[in-house]
N, C-alpha and C. Protein backbone atom coordinates (compact mmCIF):
# COMPACT_ATOMS: atom_id res chain seq x y z
N MET A 1 14.23 -12.78 -7.41
CA MET A 1 12.93 -12.21 -7.67
C MET A 1 12.02 -13.30 -8.19
N GLU A 2 10.84 -13.37 -7.61
CA GLU A 2 9.88 -14.35 -8.08
C GLU A 2 8.55 -13.66 -8.26
N LEU A 3 8.12 -13.55 -9.49
CA LEU A 3 6.81 -13.02 -9.81
C LEU A 3 6.02 -14.15 -10.43
N GLN A 4 4.85 -14.37 -9.93
CA GLN A 4 4.04 -15.45 -10.45
C GLN A 4 2.74 -14.89 -10.97
N ASP A 5 2.45 -15.11 -12.24
CA ASP A 5 1.15 -14.76 -12.77
C ASP A 5 0.20 -15.89 -12.41
N GLN A 6 -0.90 -15.53 -11.81
CA GLN A 6 -1.89 -16.51 -11.44
C GLN A 6 -3.23 -16.02 -11.96
N THR A 7 -4.04 -16.92 -12.45
CA THR A 7 -5.37 -16.58 -12.90
C THR A 7 -6.35 -17.55 -12.26
N ASP A 8 -7.40 -16.98 -11.67
CA ASP A 8 -8.43 -17.82 -11.07
C ASP A 8 -9.11 -18.63 -12.16
N THR A 9 -9.37 -19.91 -11.88
CA THR A 9 -10.05 -20.75 -12.86
C THR A 9 -11.52 -20.86 -12.49
N ALA A 10 -12.36 -20.92 -13.48
CA ALA A 10 -13.80 -21.01 -13.25
C ALA A 10 -14.27 -22.42 -13.55
N ASP A 11 -15.33 -22.81 -12.90
CA ASP A 11 -15.95 -24.11 -13.14
C ASP A 11 -16.44 -24.12 -14.58
N ALA A 12 -16.07 -25.14 -15.34
CA ALA A 12 -16.40 -25.22 -16.76
C ALA A 12 -17.91 -25.30 -17.00
N GLU A 13 -18.67 -25.73 -16.01
CA GLU A 13 -20.10 -25.86 -16.19
C GLU A 13 -20.83 -24.53 -16.06
N HIS A 14 -20.22 -23.53 -15.49
CA HIS A 14 -20.85 -22.25 -15.26
C HIS A 14 -20.14 -21.18 -16.07
N ILE A 15 -20.91 -20.22 -16.48
CA ILE A 15 -20.31 -19.06 -17.15
C ILE A 15 -19.94 -18.08 -16.06
N ALA A 16 -18.68 -17.81 -15.95
CA ALA A 16 -18.18 -16.93 -14.90
C ALA A 16 -17.65 -15.65 -15.52
N PRO A 17 -17.61 -14.60 -14.72
CA PRO A 17 -17.01 -13.38 -15.23
C PRO A 17 -15.53 -13.62 -15.52
N PRO A 18 -14.94 -12.79 -16.34
CA PRO A 18 -13.51 -12.98 -16.65
C PRO A 18 -12.67 -13.00 -15.37
N ALA A 19 -11.68 -13.86 -15.35
CA ALA A 19 -10.80 -13.98 -14.19
C ALA A 19 -9.95 -12.72 -14.05
N VAL A 20 -9.65 -12.37 -12.81
CA VAL A 20 -8.79 -11.22 -12.54
C VAL A 20 -7.35 -11.71 -12.50
N PRO A 21 -6.48 -11.16 -13.33
CA PRO A 21 -5.07 -11.55 -13.27
C PRO A 21 -4.49 -11.20 -11.90
N CYS A 22 -3.44 -11.89 -11.54
CA CYS A 22 -2.84 -11.72 -10.22
C CYS A 22 -1.32 -11.70 -10.32
N ILE A 23 -0.71 -10.81 -9.54
CA ILE A 23 0.74 -10.80 -9.39
C ILE A 23 1.04 -11.11 -7.93
N ASP A 24 1.82 -12.15 -7.69
CA ASP A 24 2.23 -12.53 -6.35
C ASP A 24 3.65 -12.00 -6.15
N ILE A 25 3.79 -10.95 -5.36
CA ILE A 25 5.09 -10.31 -5.16
C ILE A 25 5.75 -10.91 -3.92
N THR A 26 6.87 -11.59 -4.11
CA THR A 26 7.59 -12.19 -2.99
C THR A 26 8.78 -11.35 -2.55
N CYS A 27 9.24 -10.45 -3.42
CA CYS A 27 10.35 -9.57 -3.10
C CYS A 27 10.16 -8.28 -3.90
N LEU A 28 10.26 -7.14 -3.22
CA LEU A 28 10.08 -5.87 -3.90
C LEU A 28 11.15 -4.89 -3.42
N THR A 29 12.34 -5.07 -3.98
CA THR A 29 13.45 -4.17 -3.68
C THR A 29 13.73 -3.34 -4.93
N ILE A 30 14.69 -2.45 -4.85
CA ILE A 30 14.99 -1.57 -5.97
C ILE A 30 15.25 -2.35 -7.26
N ALA A 31 15.84 -3.51 -7.14
CA ALA A 31 16.14 -4.33 -8.32
C ALA A 31 14.88 -4.88 -8.99
N GLU A 32 13.80 -5.05 -8.22
CA GLU A 32 12.57 -5.62 -8.76
C GLU A 32 11.53 -4.58 -9.15
N CYS A 33 11.71 -3.33 -8.75
CA CYS A 33 10.67 -2.32 -8.99
C CYS A 33 10.35 -2.11 -10.46
N THR A 34 11.36 -2.00 -11.30
CA THR A 34 11.08 -1.78 -12.72
C THR A 34 10.37 -2.97 -13.35
N PRO A 35 10.84 -4.21 -13.14
CA PRO A 35 10.09 -5.33 -13.71
C PRO A 35 8.66 -5.45 -13.17
N VAL A 36 8.47 -5.18 -11.89
CA VAL A 36 7.13 -5.25 -11.31
C VAL A 36 6.24 -4.15 -11.90
N ALA A 37 6.76 -2.94 -11.98
CA ALA A 37 5.99 -1.84 -12.56
C ALA A 37 5.64 -2.14 -14.01
N ASP A 38 6.59 -2.69 -14.76
CA ASP A 38 6.32 -3.06 -16.16
C ASP A 38 5.23 -4.12 -16.25
N GLN A 39 5.30 -5.10 -15.36
CA GLN A 39 4.32 -6.18 -15.37
C GLN A 39 2.93 -5.64 -15.01
N ILE A 40 2.87 -4.76 -14.03
CA ILE A 40 1.58 -4.16 -13.65
C ILE A 40 1.03 -3.35 -14.81
N ARG A 41 1.88 -2.55 -15.42
CA ARG A 41 1.46 -1.74 -16.57
C ARG A 41 0.90 -2.63 -17.68
N GLN A 42 1.60 -3.71 -17.99
CA GLN A 42 1.16 -4.62 -19.05
C GLN A 42 -0.19 -5.25 -18.72
N HIS A 43 -0.35 -5.71 -17.48
CA HIS A 43 -1.62 -6.30 -17.07
C HIS A 43 -2.76 -5.30 -17.17
N LEU A 44 -2.50 -4.06 -16.78
CA LEU A 44 -3.56 -3.05 -16.82
C LEU A 44 -3.92 -2.63 -18.23
N LEU A 45 -3.03 -2.85 -19.18
CA LEU A 45 -3.36 -2.62 -20.59
C LEU A 45 -4.30 -3.71 -21.10
N GLU A 46 -4.20 -4.90 -20.51
CA GLU A 46 -4.95 -6.06 -20.99
C GLU A 46 -6.20 -6.38 -20.18
N SER A 47 -6.30 -5.86 -18.98
CA SER A 47 -7.39 -6.23 -18.09
C SER A 47 -7.85 -5.01 -17.29
N PRO A 48 -9.14 -4.93 -16.98
CA PRO A 48 -9.62 -3.78 -16.21
C PRO A 48 -9.23 -3.83 -14.73
N LYS A 49 -8.90 -5.01 -14.22
CA LYS A 49 -8.53 -5.18 -12.81
C LYS A 49 -7.27 -6.03 -12.69
N LEU A 50 -6.56 -5.85 -11.59
CA LEU A 50 -5.38 -6.65 -11.29
C LEU A 50 -5.29 -6.84 -9.79
N GLU A 51 -5.08 -8.08 -9.37
CA GLU A 51 -4.86 -8.35 -7.95
C GLU A 51 -3.37 -8.35 -7.67
N VAL A 52 -2.98 -7.61 -6.63
CA VAL A 52 -1.58 -7.54 -6.21
C VAL A 52 -1.47 -8.21 -4.85
N LYS A 53 -0.82 -9.38 -4.84
CA LYS A 53 -0.68 -10.14 -3.60
C LYS A 53 0.64 -9.78 -2.92
N LEU A 54 0.54 -9.31 -1.69
CA LEU A 54 1.72 -8.97 -0.89
C LEU A 54 1.89 -9.91 0.30
N ALA A 55 1.00 -10.86 0.46
CA ALA A 55 1.03 -11.76 1.62
C ALA A 55 2.31 -12.58 1.69
N ASN A 56 2.93 -12.85 0.55
CA ASN A 56 4.15 -13.67 0.52
C ASN A 56 5.42 -12.84 0.36
N CYS A 57 5.30 -11.53 0.48
CA CYS A 57 6.45 -10.65 0.30
C CYS A 57 7.42 -10.81 1.48
N GLU A 58 8.60 -11.33 1.20
CA GLU A 58 9.59 -11.59 2.25
C GLU A 58 10.60 -10.46 2.40
N GLU A 59 10.75 -9.64 1.35
CA GLU A 59 11.72 -8.55 1.40
C GLU A 59 11.17 -7.36 0.63
N ILE A 60 11.26 -6.18 1.25
CA ILE A 60 10.81 -4.94 0.62
C ILE A 60 11.68 -3.81 1.14
N ASP A 61 12.06 -2.91 0.25
CA ASP A 61 12.85 -1.76 0.67
C ASP A 61 12.08 -0.48 0.35
N THR A 62 12.73 0.68 0.56
CA THR A 62 12.02 1.94 0.37
C THR A 62 11.58 2.15 -1.09
N ALA A 63 12.35 1.64 -2.04
CA ALA A 63 11.93 1.76 -3.44
C ALA A 63 10.64 0.98 -3.67
N GLY A 64 10.54 -0.20 -3.08
CA GLY A 64 9.32 -1.00 -3.19
C GLY A 64 8.14 -0.31 -2.52
N VAL A 65 8.38 0.28 -1.36
CA VAL A 65 7.31 1.00 -0.66
C VAL A 65 6.87 2.21 -1.50
N GLN A 66 7.83 2.89 -2.12
CA GLN A 66 7.47 4.04 -2.97
C GLN A 66 6.59 3.60 -4.13
N LEU A 67 6.93 2.49 -4.77
CA LEU A 67 6.12 2.00 -5.87
C LEU A 67 4.70 1.69 -5.40
N LEU A 68 4.57 0.99 -4.28
CA LEU A 68 3.25 0.64 -3.75
C LEU A 68 2.47 1.89 -3.35
N THR A 69 3.16 2.88 -2.80
CA THR A 69 2.51 4.14 -2.40
C THR A 69 1.95 4.85 -3.62
N ILE A 70 2.72 4.90 -4.68
CA ILE A 70 2.23 5.52 -5.93
C ILE A 70 0.99 4.78 -6.42
N LEU A 71 1.04 3.47 -6.39
CA LEU A 71 -0.11 2.68 -6.86
C LEU A 71 -1.35 2.92 -6.00
N ARG A 72 -1.14 3.04 -4.68
CA ARG A 72 -2.27 3.25 -3.77
C ARG A 72 -2.85 4.65 -3.88
N CYS A 73 -2.02 5.64 -4.21
CA CYS A 73 -2.46 7.04 -4.20
C CYS A 73 -2.93 7.55 -5.55
N ASP A 74 -2.59 6.90 -6.62
CA ASP A 74 -3.01 7.32 -7.96
C ASP A 74 -4.42 6.78 -8.20
N GLU A 75 -5.41 7.67 -8.19
CA GLU A 75 -6.81 7.23 -8.29
C GLU A 75 -7.09 6.44 -9.57
N GLY A 76 -6.47 6.83 -10.67
CA GLY A 76 -6.70 6.12 -11.93
C GLY A 76 -6.19 4.70 -11.91
N VAL A 77 -5.13 4.47 -11.16
CA VAL A 77 -4.55 3.13 -11.05
C VAL A 77 -5.17 2.38 -9.87
N ALA A 78 -5.27 3.04 -8.73
CA ALA A 78 -5.76 2.38 -7.51
C ALA A 78 -7.15 1.81 -7.69
N SER A 79 -7.98 2.47 -8.49
CA SER A 79 -9.34 1.98 -8.69
C SER A 79 -9.38 0.68 -9.48
N ARG A 80 -8.28 0.31 -10.08
CA ARG A 80 -8.22 -0.92 -10.88
C ARG A 80 -7.46 -2.04 -10.19
N LEU A 81 -6.91 -1.77 -9.01
CA LEU A 81 -6.09 -2.75 -8.30
C LEU A 81 -6.80 -3.29 -7.07
N ILE A 82 -6.53 -4.54 -6.78
CA ILE A 82 -7.02 -5.20 -5.56
C ILE A 82 -5.76 -5.65 -4.81
N PHE A 83 -5.56 -5.13 -3.61
CA PHE A 83 -4.42 -5.51 -2.78
C PHE A 83 -4.91 -6.46 -1.70
N ASP A 84 -4.12 -7.51 -1.42
CA ASP A 84 -4.45 -8.38 -0.30
C ASP A 84 -3.76 -7.85 0.95
N THR A 85 -3.90 -8.56 2.05
CA THR A 85 -3.24 -8.16 3.30
C THR A 85 -1.74 -8.36 3.17
N PRO A 86 -0.94 -7.34 3.47
CA PRO A 86 0.52 -7.47 3.31
C PRO A 86 1.14 -8.41 4.34
N SER A 87 2.31 -8.93 3.98
CA SER A 87 3.07 -9.80 4.87
C SER A 87 3.60 -8.99 6.06
N GLU A 88 4.14 -9.69 7.04
CA GLU A 88 4.75 -9.02 8.20
C GLU A 88 5.93 -8.16 7.78
N ALA A 89 6.73 -8.64 6.81
CA ALA A 89 7.87 -7.85 6.32
C ALA A 89 7.40 -6.54 5.70
N ALA A 90 6.34 -6.62 4.91
CA ALA A 90 5.80 -5.41 4.29
C ALA A 90 5.20 -4.48 5.34
N LYS A 91 4.45 -5.05 6.28
CA LYS A 91 3.86 -4.23 7.35
C LYS A 91 4.94 -3.51 8.14
N SER A 92 6.04 -4.19 8.41
CA SER A 92 7.15 -3.60 9.16
C SER A 92 7.75 -2.42 8.38
N ALA A 93 7.95 -2.59 7.09
CA ALA A 93 8.49 -1.50 6.26
C ALA A 93 7.54 -0.32 6.24
N PHE A 94 6.24 -0.57 6.10
CA PHE A 94 5.26 0.51 6.11
C PHE A 94 5.30 1.26 7.44
N SER A 95 5.41 0.50 8.54
CA SER A 95 5.44 1.10 9.87
C SER A 95 6.69 1.97 10.06
N LEU A 96 7.85 1.47 9.65
CA LEU A 96 9.09 2.23 9.79
C LEU A 96 9.05 3.56 9.03
N LEU A 97 8.29 3.60 7.96
CA LEU A 97 8.20 4.79 7.12
C LEU A 97 6.96 5.64 7.43
N GLY A 98 6.23 5.27 8.47
CA GLY A 98 5.05 6.03 8.86
C GLY A 98 3.89 5.91 7.90
N LEU A 99 3.81 4.80 7.18
CA LEU A 99 2.76 4.62 6.18
C LEU A 99 1.78 3.50 6.53
N SER A 100 1.78 3.09 7.78
CA SER A 100 0.90 1.99 8.19
C SER A 100 -0.56 2.26 7.87
N SER A 101 -1.01 3.50 8.08
CA SER A 101 -2.43 3.80 7.86
C SER A 101 -2.80 3.68 6.38
N LEU A 102 -1.88 3.98 5.48
CA LEU A 102 -2.16 3.86 4.05
C LEU A 102 -2.36 2.41 3.64
N PHE A 103 -1.68 1.50 4.34
CA PHE A 103 -1.75 0.08 4.01
C PHE A 103 -2.41 -0.73 5.11
N ALA A 104 -3.22 -0.08 5.95
CA ALA A 104 -3.81 -0.73 7.13
C ALA A 104 -4.74 -1.88 6.78
N GLU A 105 -5.48 -1.73 5.72
CA GLU A 105 -6.39 -2.80 5.34
C GLU A 105 -6.33 -2.99 3.84
N PRO A 106 -6.69 -4.15 3.39
CA PRO A 106 -6.65 -4.38 1.95
C PRO A 106 -7.51 -3.37 1.21
N LEU A 107 -7.00 -2.90 0.08
CA LEU A 107 -7.75 -1.97 -0.74
C LEU A 107 -8.39 -2.76 -1.86
N GLN A 108 -9.68 -2.72 -1.89
CA GLN A 108 -10.41 -3.42 -2.95
C GLN A 108 -11.48 -2.48 -3.44
N THR A 109 -11.44 -2.21 -4.72
CA THR A 109 -12.43 -1.33 -5.30
C THR A 109 -13.33 -2.11 -6.22
N ALA A 110 -14.54 -1.65 -6.37
CA ALA A 110 -15.49 -2.35 -7.24
C ALA A 110 -15.41 -1.85 -8.66
């Protein structure tokens, strides 16, 4: 499991809005769901927005898809998350489970 916290850096000469924390999910199987959910929960306690990167996700199972589905469908949480375009592995899992339309395009809320 590799979770990387990333924060966008701003040019020191300009006053920029606060950076949006980011979680780069490279693997989301049943073994990683609890730590990922905990990390998302912690970030949302500390920040109004969180970017969830799935572009580098190499492995995902039904537990991972369930977690992402909950995040996408819960209006209170989904409105605070920014999802990037999922990897081919993630797209394949979504397709096998009939959820392609839910994850068809990146979800970004203002």
